[in-house]
C-alpha atoms as a PDB file:
ATOM      1  CA  MET A   1     -13.823 -22.358 355.671  1.00  0.00           C
ATOM      2  CA  LEU A   2     -15.180 -20.234 352.883  1.00  0.00           C
ATOM      3  CA  PRO A   3     -12.675 -20.942 350.092  1.00  0.00           C
ATOM      4  CA  ASN A   4     -14.410 -18.652 347.590  1.00  0.00           C
ATOM      5  CA  ARG A   5     -13.893 -15.737 349.987  1.00  0.00           C
ATOM      6  CA  ARG A   6     -10.170 -16.476 350.063  1.00  0.00           C
ATOM      7  CA  LEU A   7      -9.590 -16.978 346.350  1.00  0.00           C
ATOM      8  CA  PHE A   8      -8.195 -14.040 344.425  1.00  0.00           C
ATOM      9  CA  LEU A   9     -10.921 -11.619 343.379  1.00  0.00           C
ATOM     10  CA  GLY A  10     -10.232  -9.837 340.113  1.00  0.00           C
ATOM     11  CA  THR A  11     -12.042  -6.624 339.251  1.00  0.00           C
ATOM     12  CA  ALA A  12     -12.826  -4.747 336.111  1.00  0.00           C
ATOM     13  CA  ALA A  13     -10.559  -1.845 335.249  1.00  0.00           C
ATOM     14  CA  VAL A  14     -11.376   1.478 336.876  1.00  0.00           C
ATOM     15  CA  SER A  15     -10.569   4.729 335.119  1.00  0.00           C
ATOM     16  CA  MET A  16      -7.611   6.675 336.395  1.00  0.00           C
ATOM     17  CA  ALA A  17      -9.734   9.792 336.056  1.00  0.00           C
ATOM     18  CA  SER A  18     -11.166   9.134 339.494  1.00  0.00           C
ATOM     19  CA  PHE A  19      -7.636   8.942 340.904  1.00  0.00           C
ATOM     20  CA  VAL A  20      -6.731  12.230 339.257  1.00  0.00           C
ATOM     21  CA  GLN A  21      -9.850  13.843 340.701  1.00  0.00           C
ATOM     22  CA  SER A  22      -9.073  12.501 344.180  1.00  0.00           C
ATOM     23  CA  ARG A  23      -5.562  13.879 343.930  1.00  0.00           C
ATOM     24  CA  SER A  24      -6.891  17.315 343.080  1.00  0.00           C
ATOM     25  CA  GLN A  25      -9.087  17.207 346.188  1.00  0.00           C
ATOM     26  CA  ARG A  26      -6.417  15.876 348.542  1.00  0.00           C
ATOM     27  CA  GLY A  27      -5.556  17.392 351.878  1.00  0.00           C
ATOM     28  CA  VAL A  28      -2.162  18.452 353.086  1.00  0.00           C
ATOM     29  CA  ALA A  29       0.606  16.179 351.830  1.00  0.00           C
ATOM     30  CA  MET A  30       2.637  14.108 354.247  1.00  0.00           C
ATOM     31  CA  ALA A  31       5.438  15.882 356.010  1.00  0.00           C
ATOM     32  CA  ALA A  32       8.947  15.090 354.868  1.00  0.00           C
ATOM     33  CA  GLY A  33      10.536  12.172 356.644  1.00  0.00           C
ATOM     34  CA  MET A  34       7.249  10.505 357.662  1.00  0.00           C
ATOM     35  CA  PRO A  35       7.754   6.763 358.291  1.00  0.00           C
ATOM     36  CA  GLN A  36       6.963   4.546 355.311  1.00  0.00           C
ATOM     37  CA  SER A  37       4.921   2.095 357.368  1.00  0.00           C
ATOM     38  CA  SER A  38       2.236   4.610 358.331  1.00  0.00           C
ATOM     39  CA  ALA A  39       1.445   8.284 358.191  1.00  0.00           C
ATOM     40  CA  ALA A  40      -0.654   8.145 361.340  1.00  0.00           C
ATOM     41  CA  ALA A  41       0.764   8.555 364.822  1.00  0.00           C
ATOM     42  CA  GLN A  42       1.791   5.174 366.199  1.00  0.00           C
ATOM     43  CA  PRO A  43       2.390   3.937 369.718  1.00  0.00           C
ATOM     44  CA  ALA A  44       6.096   3.555 370.383  1.00  0.00           C
ATOM     45  CA  GLY A  45       7.210   0.164 369.183  1.00  0.00           C
ATOM     46  CA  ARG A  46       4.433  -0.494 366.647  1.00  0.00           C
ATOM     47  CA  LYS A  47       5.589  -0.677 363.057  1.00  0.00           C
ATOM     48  CA  PHE A  48       2.700  -2.611 361.517  1.00  0.00           C
ATOM     49  CA  THR A  49      -0.230  -0.903 359.813  1.00  0.00           C
ATOM     50  CA  MET A  50      -3.987  -1.096 360.330  1.00  0.00           C
ATOM     51  CA  ASP A  51      -4.988  -2.516 356.980  1.00  0.00           C
ATOM     52  CA  LEU A  52      -8.307  -2.572 355.112  1.00  0.00           C
ATOM     53  CA  ARG A  53      -8.901  -5.615 352.925  1.00  0.00           C
ATOM     54  CA  CYS A  54     -12.452  -5.068 351.779  1.00  0.00           C
ATOM     55  CA  GLY A  55     -13.470  -8.560 350.682  1.00  0.00           C
ATOM     56  CA  ALA A  56     -12.441 -10.010 354.040  1.00  0.00           C
ATOM     57  CA  VAL A  57     -14.996  -7.847 355.888  1.00  0.00           C
ATOM     58  CA  GLY A  58     -17.883  -8.101 353.431  1.00  0.00           C
ATOM     59  CA  ILE A  59     -17.255  -4.824 351.607  1.00  0.00           C
ATOM     60  CA  SER A  60     -17.845  -4.857 347.864  1.00  0.00           C
ATOM     61  CA  ALA A  61     -15.403  -2.260 346.588  1.00  0.00           C
ATOM     62  CA  ASP A  62     -13.052  -1.952 343.641  1.00  0.00           C
ATOM     63  CA  GLN A  63      -9.517  -0.743 344.232  1.00  0.00           C
ATOM     64  CA  ASN A  64     -10.391   2.921 343.912  1.00  0.00           C
ATOM     65  CA  ALA A  65     -13.291   2.674 346.360  1.00  0.00           C
ATOM     66  CA  ALA A  66     -11.170   0.632 348.769  1.00  0.00           C
ATOM     67  CA  ILE A  67      -8.528   3.361 348.833  1.00  0.00           C
ATOM     68  CA  ALA A  68     -11.191   5.999 349.518  1.00  0.00           C
ATOM     69  CA  LEU A  69     -12.719   3.962 352.358  1.00  0.00           C
ATOM     70  CA  ALA A  70      -9.320   3.265 353.888  1.00  0.00           C
ATOM     71  CA  GLN A  71      -8.485   6.955 353.936  1.00  0.00           C
ATOM     72  CA  GLU A  72     -11.866   8.030 355.297  1.00  0.00           C
ATOM     73  CA  PHE A  73     -12.015   5.499 358.137  1.00  0.00           C
ATOM     74  CA  GLY A  74      -8.491   5.910 359.422  1.00  0.00           C
ATOM     75  CA  PHE A  75      -6.771   2.830 358.033  1.00  0.00           C
ATOM     76  CA  GLU A  76      -3.067   3.037 357.307  1.00  0.00           C
ATOM     77  CA  SER A  77      -2.757   0.567 354.435  1.00  0.00           C
ATOM     78  CA  VAL A  78      -5.068  -1.015 351.885  1.00  0.00           C
ATOM     79  CA  GLY A  79      -5.300  -4.416 350.229  1.00  0.00           C
ATOM     80  CA  VAL A  80      -4.221  -4.843 346.620  1.00  0.00           C
ATOM     81  CA  GLU A  81      -6.010  -6.120 343.512  1.00  0.00           C
ATOM     82  CA  ALA A  82      -3.423  -7.308 341.010  1.00  0.00           C
ATOM     83  CA  ALA A  83      -5.926  -7.482 338.140  1.00  0.00           C
ATOM     84  CA  PHE A  84      -6.800  -3.810 338.596  1.00  0.00           C
ATOM     85  CA  LEU A  85      -3.158  -2.768 338.599  1.00  0.00           C
ATOM     86  CA  ALA A  86      -2.514  -4.831 335.484  1.00  0.00           C
ATOM     87  CA  SER A  87      -5.351  -2.985 333.716  1.00  0.00           C
ATOM     88  CA  LEU A  88      -3.553   0.352 334.087  1.00  0.00           C
ATOM     89  CA  SER A  89      -0.783   1.743 331.949  1.00  0.00           C
ATOM     90  CA  GLU A  90       2.785   1.561 333.206  1.00  0.00           C
ATOM     91  CA  SER A  91       2.859   5.308 333.841  1.00  0.00           C
ATOM     92  CA  GLN A  92      -0.390   5.134 335.800  1.00  0.00           C
ATOM     93  CA  ARG A  93       1.009   2.344 337.960  1.00  0.00           C
ATOM     94  CA  HIS A  94       4.112   4.363 338.732  1.00  0.00           C
ATOM     95  CA  GLU A  95       1.927   7.247 339.963  1.00  0.00           C
ATOM     96  CA  LEU A  96       0.130   5.167 342.578  1.00  0.00           C
ATOM     97  CA  PRO A  97       2.702   5.157 345.414  1.00  0.00           C
ATOM     98  CA  THR A  98       2.783   8.972 345.432  1.00  0.00           C
ATOM     99  CA  MET A  99      -1.011   9.119 345.364  1.00  0.00           C
ATOM    100  CA  LEU A 100      -1.221   6.729 348.328  1.00  0.00           C
ATOM    101  CA  GLN A 101       1.388   8.688 350.243  1.00  0.00           C
ATOM    102  CA  GLU A 102      -0.648  11.839 349.802  1.00  0.00           C
ATOM    103  CA  LYS A 103      -3.621   9.983 351.274  1.00  0.00           C
ATOM    104  CA  ARG A 104      -1.482   8.830 354.217  1.00  0.00           C
ATOM    105  CA  LEU A 105      -1.667   5.216 353.076  1.00  0.00           C
ATOM    106  CA  VAL A 106       0.656   2.466 351.918  1.00  0.00           C
ATOM    107  CA  TRP A 107      -0.067  -0.785 350.113  1.00  0.00           C
ATOM    108  CA  GLY A 108      -0.954  -3.872 352.127  1.00  0.00           C
ATOM    109  CA  ALA A 109      -0.689  -7.244 350.382  1.00  0.00           C
ATOM    110  CA  ALA A 110      -2.086  -8.798 347.224  1.00  0.00           C
ATOM    111  CA  GLY A 111      -3.589 -12.265 346.965  1.00  0.00           C
ATOM    112  CA  LEU A 112      -1.770 -14.829 344.837  1.00  0.00           C
ATOM    113  CA  PRO A 113      -3.644 -14.750 341.493  1.00  0.00           C
ATOM    114  CA  VAL A 114      -2.909 -18.411 340.765  1.00  0.00           C
ATOM    115  CA  GLU A 115      -5.217 -21.370 341.458  1.00  0.00           C
ATOM    116  CA  PHE A 116      -2.701 -23.956 342.643  1.00  0.00           C
ATOM    117  CA  ARG A 117      -5.102 -26.220 344.576  1.00  0.00           C
ATOM    118  CA  LYS A 118      -6.891 -27.820 341.607  1.00  0.00           C
ATOM    119  CA  ASP A 119      -5.787 -29.720 338.498  1.00  0.00           C
ATOM    120  CA  GLU A 120      -2.518 -29.192 336.670  1.00  0.00           C
ATOM    121  CA  ASP A 121      -4.118 -27.562 333.619  1.00  0.00           C
ATOM    122  CA  THR A 122      -5.731 -24.887 335.788  1.00  0.00           C
ATOM    123  CA  PHE A 123      -2.439 -24.226 337.551  1.00  0.00           C
ATOM    124  CA  ARG A 124      -0.487 -24.007 334.290  1.00  0.00           C
ATOM    125  CA  ARG A 125      -3.037 -21.612 332.788  1.00  0.00           C
ATOM    126  CA  ASP A 126      -2.836 -19.269 335.774  1.00  0.00           C
ATOM    127  CA  VAL A 127       0.903 -19.402 336.358  1.00  0.00           C
ATOM    128  CA  LEU A 128       1.528 -18.290 332.773  1.00  0.00           C
ATOM    129  CA  GLN A 129      -0.188 -15.005 333.666  1.00  0.00           C
ATOM    130  CA  LEU A 130       1.779 -14.475 336.872  1.00  0.00           C
ATOM    131  CA  PRO A 131       4.805 -12.666 335.356  1.00  0.00           C
ATOM    132  CA  ARG A 132       2.530 -10.019 333.849  1.00  0.00           C
ATOM    133  CA  LEU A 133       0.627  -9.531 337.098  1.00  0.00           C
ATOM    134  CA  ALA A 134       3.776  -9.559 339.225  1.00  0.00           C
ATOM    135  CA  GLN A 135       5.290  -6.893 336.994  1.00  0.00           C
ATOM    136  CA  ALA A 136       2.186  -4.737 337.502  1.00  0.00           C
ATOM    137  CA  LEU A 137       2.524  -5.143 341.273  1.00  0.00           C
ATOM    138  CA  GLN A 138       6.182  -4.194 341.137  1.00  0.00           C
ATOM    139  CA  GLN A 139       5.560  -1.085 339.039  1.00  0.00           C
ATOM    140  CA  ALA A 140       2.852   0.053 341.462  1.00  0.00           C
ATOM    141  CA  GLY A 141       5.163  -0.347 344.460  1.00  0.00           C
ATOM    142  CA  VAL A 142       3.555  -3.487 345.922  1.00  0.00           C
ATOM    143  CA  THR A 143       6.004  -5.870 347.612  1.00  0.00           C
ATOM    144  CA  ARG A 144       3.801  -8.425 349.443  1.00  0.00           C
ATOM    145  CA  VAL A 145       1.725 -11.332 348.090  1.00  0.00           C
ATOM    146  CA  GLY A 146       0.005 -14.037 350.146  1.00  0.00           C
ATOM    147  CA  THR A 147      -2.201 -17.108 349.975  1.00  0.00           C
ATOM    148  CA  TRP A 148      -3.650 -19.816 352.227  1.00  0.00           C
ATOM    149  CA  ILE A 149      -2.984 -23.543 352.382  1.00  0.00           C
ATOM    150  CA  SER A 150      -5.928 -25.932 352.450  1.00  0.00           C
ATOM    151  CA  PRO A 151      -5.405 -28.243 355.462  1.00  0.00           C
ATOM    152  CA  MET A 152      -6.953 -31.374 353.980  1.00  0.00           C
ATOM    153  CA  HIS A 153      -7.493 -33.341 350.772  1.00  0.00           C
ATOM    154  CA  ASP A 154      -9.790 -36.167 349.746  1.00  0.00           C
ATOM    155  CA  GLU A 155      -7.296 -37.853 347.413  1.00  0.00           C
ATOM    156  CA  LEU A 156      -3.700 -36.738 347.956  1.00  0.00           C
ATOM    157  CA  THR A 157      -1.774 -38.137 350.897  1.00  0.00           C
ATOM    158  CA  TYR A 158       0.200 -35.712 353.041  1.00  0.00           C
ATOM    159  CA  GLY A 159       3.431 -36.526 351.223  1.00  0.00           C
ATOM    160  CA  ALA A 160       1.976 -36.229 347.724  1.00  0.00           C
ATOM    161  CA  ASN A 161       0.219 -33.000 348.634  1.00  0.00           C
ATOM    162  CA  PHE A 162       3.421 -31.608 350.159  1.00  0.00           C
ATOM    163  CA  ARG A 163       5.404 -32.334 347.003  1.00  0.00           C
ATOM    164  CA  GLN A 164       2.734 -30.759 344.822  1.00  0.00           C
ATOM    165  CA  HIS A 165       2.616 -27.613 346.965  1.00  0.00           C
ATOM    166  CA  ALA A 166       6.407 -27.318 347.002  1.00  0.00           C
ATOM    167  CA  ARG A 167       6.604 -27.645 343.232  1.00  0.00           C
ATOM    168  CA  ARG A 168       3.715 -25.376 342.307  1.00  0.00           C
ATOM    169  CA  LEU A 169       4.256 -22.685 344.924  1.00  0.00           C
ATOM    170  CA  GLY A 170       7.994 -22.858 344.340  1.00  0.00           C
ATOM    171  CA  GLU A 171       7.375 -21.934 340.715  1.00  0.00           C
ATOM    172  CA  CYS A 172       5.219 -18.997 341.821  1.00  0.00           C
ATOM    173  CA  VAL A 173       7.790 -17.868 344.395  1.00  0.00           C
ATOM    174  CA  ARG A 174      10.549 -17.743 341.796  1.00  0.00           C
ATOM    175  CA  ILE A 175       8.434 -15.581 339.485  1.00  0.00           C
ATOM    176  CA  LEU A 176       7.505 -13.275 342.353  1.00  0.00           C
ATOM    177  CA  ALA A 177      11.148 -12.985 343.405  1.00  0.00           C
ATOM    178  CA  ASP A 178      12.042 -11.833 339.901  1.00  0.00           C
ATOM    179  CA  HIS A 179       9.618  -8.939 340.445  1.00  0.00           C
ATOM    180  CA  GLY A 180      10.604  -7.886 343.950  1.00  0.00           C
ATOM    181  CA  GLN A 181       7.755  -9.651 345.746  1.00  0.00           C
ATOM    182  CA  ARG A 182       7.779 -11.375 349.127  1.00  0.00           C
ATOM    183  CA  PHE A 183       5.390 -14.328 349.373  1.00  0.00           C
ATOM    184  CA  GLY A 184       3.535 -15.496 352.477  1.00  0.00           C
ATOM    185  CA  MET A 185       1.615 -18.712 353.180  1.00  0.00           C
ATOM    186  CA  GLU A 186      -1.166 -18.998 355.761  1.00  0.00           C
ATOM    187  CA  TYR A 187      -1.710 -22.289 357.525  1.00  0.00           C
ATOM    188  CA  VAL A 188      -5.336 -23.034 358.486  1.00  0.00           C
ATOM    189  CA  GLY A 189      -5.673 -24.332 362.042  1.00  0.00           C
ATOM    190  CA  PRO A 190      -9.212 -25.516 362.953  1.00  0.00           C
ATOM    191  CA  LYS A 191      -9.477 -29.235 363.662  1.00  0.00           C
ATOM    192  CA  THR A 192     -12.998 -29.152 362.228  1.00  0.00           C
ATOM    193  CA  LEU A 193     -11.320 -28.536 358.855  1.00  0.00           C
ATOM    194  CA  TRP A 194      -8.126 -30.565 358.834  1.00  0.00           C
ATOM    195  CA  ALA A 195      -9.976 -33.645 360.142  1.00  0.00           C
ATOM    196  CA  SER A 196     -12.882 -33.245 357.730  1.00  0.00           C
ATOM    197  CA  LYS A 197     -11.435 -35.157 354.768  1.00  0.00           C
ATOM    198  CA  ARG A 198      -9.522 -38.393 354.265  1.00  0.00           C
ATOM    199  CA  HIS A 199      -6.052 -36.857 354.400  1.00  0.00           C
ATOM    200  CA  SER A 200      -5.079 -34.004 356.696  1.00  0.00           C
ATOM    201  CA  PHE A 201      -2.437 -31.552 355.526  1.00  0.00           C
ATOM    202  CA  ILE A 202      -0.414 -28.584 356.789  1.00  0.00           C
ATOM    203  CA  HIS A 203      -2.272 -26.822 359.640  1.00  0.00           C
ATOM    204  CA  THR A 204       0.461 -25.594 362.008  1.00  0.00           C
ATOM    205  CA  MET A 205       3.351 -23.157 362.041  1.00  0.00           C
ATOM    206  CA  ALA A 206       5.878 -25.999 362.319  1.00  0.00           C
ATOM    207  CA  GLU A 207       4.547 -27.759 359.221  1.00  0.00           C
ATOM    208  CA  THR A 208       4.531 -24.490 357.279  1.00  0.00           C
ATOM    209  CA  LYS A 209       8.180 -24.012 358.202  1.00  0.00           C
ATOM    210  CA  ASP A 210       8.857 -27.391 356.579  1.00  0.00           C
ATOM    211  CA  LEU A 211       7.205 -26.246 353.341  1.00  0.00           C
ATOM    212  CA  ILE A 212       9.106 -22.949 353.412  1.00  0.00           C
ATOM    213  CA  ALA A 213      12.370 -24.873 353.848  1.00  0.00           C
ATOM    214  CA  GLU A 214      11.477 -27.219 350.982  1.00  0.00           C
ATOM    215  CA  ILE A 215      10.761 -24.291 348.635  1.00  0.00           C
ATOM    216  CA  GLY A 216      14.117 -22.860 349.692  1.00  0.00           C
ATOM    217  CA  MET A 217      13.727 -19.226 348.580  1.00  0.00           C
ATOM    218  CA  SER A 218      14.577 -16.226 350.724  1.00  0.00           C
ATOM    219  CA  ASN A 219      11.414 -14.312 349.757  1.00  0.00           C
ATOM    220  CA  VAL A 220       8.950 -16.883 351.162  1.00  0.00           C
ATOM    221  CA  GLY A 221       7.443 -16.765 354.655  1.00  0.00           C
ATOM    222  CA  PHE A 222       4.164 -16.596 356.575  1.00  0.00           C
ATOM    223  CA  VAL A 223       0.774 -14.993 356.524  1.00  0.00           C
ATOM    224  CA  LEU A 224       0.007 -15.176 360.246  1.00  0.00           C
ATOM    225  CA  ASP A 225      -3.543 -15.207 361.605  1.00  0.00           C
ATOM    226  CA  SER A 226      -4.487 -14.943 365.280  1.00  0.00           C
ATOM    227  CA  TRP A 227      -7.407 -17.311 364.583  1.00  0.00           C
ATOM    228  CA  HIS A 228      -5.183 -20.063 363.196  1.00  0.00           C
ATOM    229  CA  TRP A 229      -2.551 -19.459 365.878  1.00  0.00           C
ATOM    230  CA  TYR A 230      -5.303 -19.994 368.465  1.00  0.00           C
ATOM    231  CA  THR A 231      -6.945 -23.012 366.815  1.00  0.00           C
ATOM    232  CA  ALA A 232      -3.528 -24.648 366.302  1.00  0.00           C
ATOM    233  CA  HIS A 233      -2.935 -24.433 370.090  1.00  0.00           C
ATOM    234  CA  GLU A 234       0.176 -22.327 369.546  1.00  0.00           C
ATOM    235  CA  THR A 235       1.866 -19.921 371.937  1.00  0.00           C
ATOM    236  CA  VAL A 236       3.681 -16.614 372.084  1.00  0.00           C
ATOM    237  CA  GLU A 237       6.899 -18.629 372.148  1.00  0.00           C
ATOM    238  CA  ASP A 238       5.960 -20.087 368.764  1.00  0.00           C
ATOM    239  CA  LEU A 239       5.451 -16.581 367.363  1.00  0.00           C
ATOM    240  CA  LEU A 240       8.778 -15.433 368.723  1.00  0.00           C
ATOM    241  CA  THR A 241      10.606 -18.085 366.693  1.00  0.00           C
ATOM    242  CA  LEU A 242       9.858 -15.765 363.742  1.00  0.00           C
ATOM    243  CA  LYS A 243      11.432 -12.475 362.787  1.00  0.00           C
ATOM    244  CA  ASN A 244      10.090  -9.600 360.727  1.00  0.00           C
ATOM    245  CA  SER A 245      11.512 -10.972 357.493  1.00  0.00           C
ATOM    246  CA  ASP A 246       9.576 -14.218 358.052  1.00  0.00           C
ATOM    247  CA  VAL A 247       6.141 -12.541 358.097  1.00  0.00           C
ATOM    248  CA  VAL A 248       4.575 -11.097 354.944  1.00  0.00           C
ATOM    249  CA  ALA A 249       1.068 -10.255 356.192  1.00  0.00           C
ATOM    250  CA  CYS A 250      -1.112 -10.785 359.246  1.00  0.00           C
ATOM    251  CA  ASP A 251      -4.830 -11.334 359.918  1.00  0.00           C
ATOM    252  CA  LEU A 252      -6.451 -10.417 363.215  1.00  0.00           C
ATOM    253  CA  ASN A 253      -9.597 -12.134 364.466  1.00  0.00           C
ATOM    254  CA  ASP A 254     -11.388 -13.181 367.632  1.00  0.00           C
ATOM    255  CA  ALA A 255     -13.390 -16.349 368.321  1.00  0.00           C
ATOM    256  CA  PRO A 256     -16.973 -16.998 369.488  1.00  0.00           C
ATOM    257  CA  GLN A 257     -17.459 -17.636 373.188  1.00  0.00           C
ATOM    258  CA  GLY A 258     -18.546 -20.943 374.679  1.00  0.00           C
ATOM    259  CA  ILE A 259     -17.026 -23.196 371.999  1.00  0.00           C
ATOM    260  CA  ASP A 260     -14.098 -25.522 372.640  1.00  0.00           C
ATOM    261  CA  VAL A 261     -11.054 -24.610 370.596  1.00  0.00           C
ATOM    262  CA  ASP A 262     -11.186 -27.889 368.660  1.00  0.00           C
ATOM    263  CA  GLN A 263     -14.848 -27.300 367.791  1.00  0.00           C
ATOM    264  CA  GLN A 264     -14.384 -23.804 366.358  1.00  0.00           C
ATOM    265  CA  ILE A 265     -15.735 -23.357 362.815  1.00  0.00           C
ATOM    266  CA  ASP A 266     -13.560 -21.395 360.404  1.00  0.00           C
ATOM    267  CA  SER A 267     -16.469 -19.520 358.815  1.00  0.00           C
ATOM    268  CA  GLN A 268     -17.821 -18.352 362.193  1.00  0.00           C
ATOM    269  CA  ARG A 269     -15.323 -15.909 363.660  1.00  0.00           C
ATOM    270  CA  GLU A 270     -15.571 -12.540 365.376  1.00  0.00           C
ATOM    271  CA  LEU A 271     -14.028  -9.144 364.754  1.00  0.00           C
ATOM    272  CA  PRO A 272     -10.838  -8.412 366.714  1.00  0.00           C
ATOM    273  CA  SER A 273     -11.378  -7.940 370.471  1.00  0.00           C
ATOM    274  CA  ALA A 274     -15.103  -8.718 370.181  1.00  0.00           C
ATOM    275  CA  THR A 275     -15.052 -11.518 372.777  1.00  0.00           C
ATOM    276  CA  GLY A 276     -11.571 -11.744 374.267  1.00  0.00           C
ATOM    277  CA  VAL A 277     -11.393 -15.489 373.613  1.00  0.00           C
ATOM    278  CA  ILE A 278      -8.147 -15.039 371.664  1.00  0.00           C
ATOM    279  CA  ASP A 279      -5.365 -13.278 373.550  1.00  0.00           C
ATOM    280  CA  LEU A 280      -4.764 -10.484 371.062  1.00  0.00           C
ATOM    281  CA  ALA A 281      -2.628  -8.502 373.498  1.00  0.00           C
ATOM    282  CA  ALA A 282      -0.166 -11.398 373.530  1.00  0.00           C
ATOM    283  CA  PHE A 283      -0.400 -11.918 369.772  1.00  0.00           C
ATOM    284  CA  LEU A 284       0.113  -8.252 368.892  1.00  0.00           C
ATOM    285  CA  GLY A 285       2.789  -7.901 371.544  1.00  0.00           C
ATOM    286  CA  ALA A 286       4.737 -10.671 369.838  1.00  0.00           C
ATOM    287  CA  LEU A 287       4.446  -8.828 366.516  1.00  0.00           C
ATOM    288  CA  VAL A 288       5.896  -5.740 368.188  1.00  0.00           C
ATOM    289  CA  ARG A 289       8.742  -7.757 369.679  1.00  0.00           C
ATOM    290  CA  MET A 290       9.656  -9.277 366.292  1.00  0.00           C
ATOM    291  CA  GLY A 291       9.570  -5.813 364.693  1.00  0.00           C
ATOM    292  CA  TYR A 292       6.856  -6.773 362.210  1.00  0.00           C
ATOM    293  CA  ASP A 293       6.257  -3.880 359.810  1.00  0.00           C
ATOM    294  CA  GLY A 294       3.546  -5.139 357.445  1.00  0.00           C
ATOM    295  CA  PRO A 295      -0.247  -5.009 357.197  1.00  0.00           C
ATOM    296  CA  VAL A 296      -2.584  -6.299 359.926  1.00  0.00           C
ATOM    297  CA  ARG A 297      -6.158  -6.748 358.693  1.00  0.00           C
ATOM    298  CA  ALA A 298      -9.429  -8.204 359.978  1.00  0.00           C
ATOM    299  CA  GLU A 299     -10.780 -11.384 358.370  1.00  0.00           C
ATOM    300  CA  PRO A 300     -13.707 -12.518 360.534  1.00  0.00           C
ATOM    301  CA  PHE A 301     -15.950 -14.285 357.970  1.00  0.00           C
ATOM    302  CA  ASN A 302     -18.776 -12.957 360.130  1.00  0.00           C
ATOM    303  CA  ALA A 303     -22.373 -13.093 358.867  1.00  0.00           C
ATOM    304  CA  PRO A 304     -23.712 -10.051 360.804  1.00  0.00           C
ATOM    305  CA  LEU A 305     -20.783  -7.967 359.562  1.00  0.00           C
ATOM    306  CA  ASN A 306     -21.317  -9.145 355.996  1.00  0.00           C
ATOM    307  CA  ALA A 307     -24.961  -8.074 356.200  1.00  0.00           C
ATOM    308  CA  LEU A 308     -23.999  -4.436 356.810  1.00  0.00           C
ATOM    309  CA  ASN A 309     -23.667  -1.882 354.054  1.00  0.00           C
ATOM    310  CA  ASP A 310     -20.130  -0.982 353.040  1.00  0.00           C
ATOM    311  CA  ARG A 311     -19.807   2.149 355.157  1.00  0.00           C
ATOM    312  CA  ASP A 312     -21.198   0.503 358.284  1.00  0.00           C
ATOM    313  CA  ALA A 313     -18.909  -2.473 357.758  1.00  0.00           C
ATOM    314  CA  ALA A 314     -15.921  -0.142 357.413  1.00  0.00           C
ATOM    315  CA  THR A 315     -16.981   1.693 360.579  1.00  0.00           C
ATOM    316  CA  ALA A 316     -17.323  -1.532 362.579  1.00  0.00           C
ATOM    317  CA  THR A 317     -14.037  -2.924 361.285  1.00  0.00           C
ATOM    318  CA  ALA A 318     -12.104   0.261 362.017  1.00  0.00           C
ATOM    319  CA  ALA A 319     -13.508   0.416 365.559  1.00  0.00           C
ATOM    320  CA  ALA A 320     -12.612  -3.227 366.219  1.00  0.00           C
ATOM    321  CA  MET A 321      -9.102  -2.802 364.864  1.00  0.00           C
ATOM    322  CA  GLN A 322      -8.513   0.358 366.897  1.00  0.00           C
ATOM    323  CA  LYS A 323      -9.725  -1.429 370.034  1.00  0.00           C
ATOM    324  CA  ALA A 324      -7.335  -4.306 369.359  1.00  0.00           C
ATOM    325  CA  PHE A 325      -4.428  -1.993 368.575  1.00  0.00           C
ATOM    326  CA  SER A 326      -4.978  -0.222 371.883  1.00  0.00           C
ATOM    327  CA  LEU A 327      -3.784  -3.484 373.488  1.00  0.00           C
ATOM    328  CA  VAL A 328      -0.352  -3.110 371.919  1.00  0.00           C
ATOM    329  CA  PRO A 329       2.222  -2.465 374.640  1.00  0.00           C
ATOM    330  CA  PRO A 330       4.131   0.817 374.233  1.00  0.00           C
ATOM    331  CA  ARG A 331       7.393  -1.063 374.623  1.00  0.00           C
ATOM    332  CA  ALA A 332       8.206  -4.623 373.659  1.00  0.00           C
END
């Protein structure tokens, strides 16, 4: 696990002048009636988008640069930085959906900009800022926010940790709901993590369902990840207990060869379809069958990928995602 890679990354404000310039240099606008989920041609049955989340693939890019890279390398959606959106004026935020549409893109998902895993003072400080950030997301046309759940704790028992998560995340979910946001939680599956501290915590789909039920809001669901699905020993049947409205975002990864599933290390993954260890055809096929229509992005935490420059990393990620998407069956 690389928690710092998963925590929300704020960025300094970027001038809207660059957006205006990019709009003046745009290509042909999307044809009328083009599906909202993607401007690119899609295999029959696929509704989800090939998403670029730069920080997850070692690309250092602000929101403006991320949008440019996503357009250039054939992605269909792009990850969101709430801090950047909050730095813009309201009118600038309202312009962004049209600008993305012209670039044949839609928004992916934002990270939850609240540190809920530490002490109460830190949580209270961050959650006070959430209404302002959620409003910025709403005005920019963003509807999806996600986070991950740490699967272990040195001090809190499972029950105490569960109650704390339900209370803190429940508070966040209510604020997000007031601003039109769906919220997804990602369970973290590797045994090498959940068994690494005194008290294990949520690390399966079933346990995450319990937390969703405890929070009790209709806008809360999952961030799915093929890596965690694999390391949690879950099946296609588990995936098919979910429907589109249950899934907010999705990560797609492969696993190193020659390592037992219970010995896999979270920070040592592979790009999608790099090894074939994880059955991505089955995973993506289940997403098609549930009608999932959100972002699917790579998150390999892969050292060789991180060592590449931004353009090479975007090239490698796009190629891996396209290879994986070619596995999607034309009909569910």
